[in-house]
Amino acid sequence: MNNFRTEVSIQKSSLELNHNRPILSYGSCFAFEIFKKLRNYGFHIQHPGGVIYNPISILDIILRGLNNISYVSKDLVRNRNTHFSWFHNGKDYHDVSSEKLIHQLNDENTIVKELFKNKPLILITFGTAIVHELQSTSQIVANCHKQNSTLFRKRKLTVEEITSPWKNLIQQVDAEFIFTVSPVRHLKDGLVENNLSKSALLLAVEEIISAFPNKSTYFPSYEILLDELRDYRFYDSDWIHPSQEAVDYIWEKFSRSFIADYNQKLILEIEKIRKDLNHKILFEIDKEFYKKLLKKIQLIKPKTPHYSWDHEIAFVQKYLAD
C-alpha cells in the first residue's frame, strides 16, 4: 500500500537527555516548544534569552552566561516607559525599572554559568540569517523593540560569519549540542529572502557538525514540517507557525531520538499525573482521587530531582483541605 508521504528517517541518537543532566534551550520557536515540553516532564532545563532568531544573538547570550559578563545600562533601550535589552526577547525581559531588569538578566547569567559546570546538553534552534545591526555600534540585536528603522542596518549573515564563532564556542566548552533549524518562515523578509536565509543556516549547521561530530548532531525539525507534514492543515491560523498537532508530532520524533527508554517510561507516568491534575470536577470533590494523586506526585518527585512539584502539591492539597 502506498504511504502517500515522505517520512523523515531519524535514528536513535547517542546524545541522551535525562532528568539529572542540565539542558539549555536557546533560539527560535522550536527551542521554546521543546523547553515547554521538557519542563512539563520534569527535566532540568532553562531557556535563557527567550525566543531569539539569529545565530549571533543566540551566541551572544551563551557567551555572556558562560563568561558571566554582566549586563549594564548601555545594553538596554527604552520604549515609552519600559526598558528592554538589545540581547533578549522583549516579551519575557522588560521592566519599567532599568535596575530591576539588569538584576533579572544578571541573575539568569549566574544560573547559566553554574549549569555550564556540569556538561549540559544544549539545544540550539536557528531561525533566520537576516540580522539588524545598530548603525551606531554595529552590534547585532536580538530584537528591534519597535525602534525607528533608521537606527539599524539590515543584512544577511554569510555562512562563514555563522560557523566561525560557533566553532570557537564548541571547541572551548565541555558540552554537547543538538542543532535544529526552525521551519517557521519569516515572511516579512519575503519568500525568496526567507529561503536564502534558511539555506545559509542549513549550510552553517552542516559545517559546524562536520567539525565536531562527537559533540554535536542535527535534528530535522525543518524537514519534518516542510517535507513530511507538507500540508496547511498542520499549520496554525497564521499559516506560518506549526499547529499544536504538528508540534506534538515533531516532539514525539524528538523524544524517541534523544530520550532514553527509562525516561520515556517516566514521561508516561508524568503524563498520567498531568491528566489527573486537569480532571474536571462535575459534582462533589472525590478526596480519595486526590489522595491517590498526591501519592503519585510524591513517588515521582525523587525521580525528577530538579523539578519541585510544589505548585502541583499545593493544588492537590487545596482540594484535600476542603
Foldseek 3Di string as FASTA:
>chain_A
DDPPADADDFAADPAAFALVAEEEFEEADLSVLVQVLCVLLQHRYDHPQPHFAALVLRVVLLVCLQVLPADDPVQWDDDVQKIAGQSHDPPVQMDSDPVVSSVVSSVVSPVSNVSLVRAHEYEYEHEWQKFWAQPVPRDTGRDPVPDDSVRTDIDGDALCVNQVVVLVVLVPGRYAYEYEYDLFFPPVVPPVRRVVGSVSVVVSVVVSCVVPVPRYDYDYLNCCCVGRVVDQVQPDPVSGHGDPVSSVVSVVSVCSRHYDPVSVVSSVLSVVLVVLLPDDDDDADDLVSLVVSLVSCVVSCVSNVSRHCPVVNVSSVVNNVD
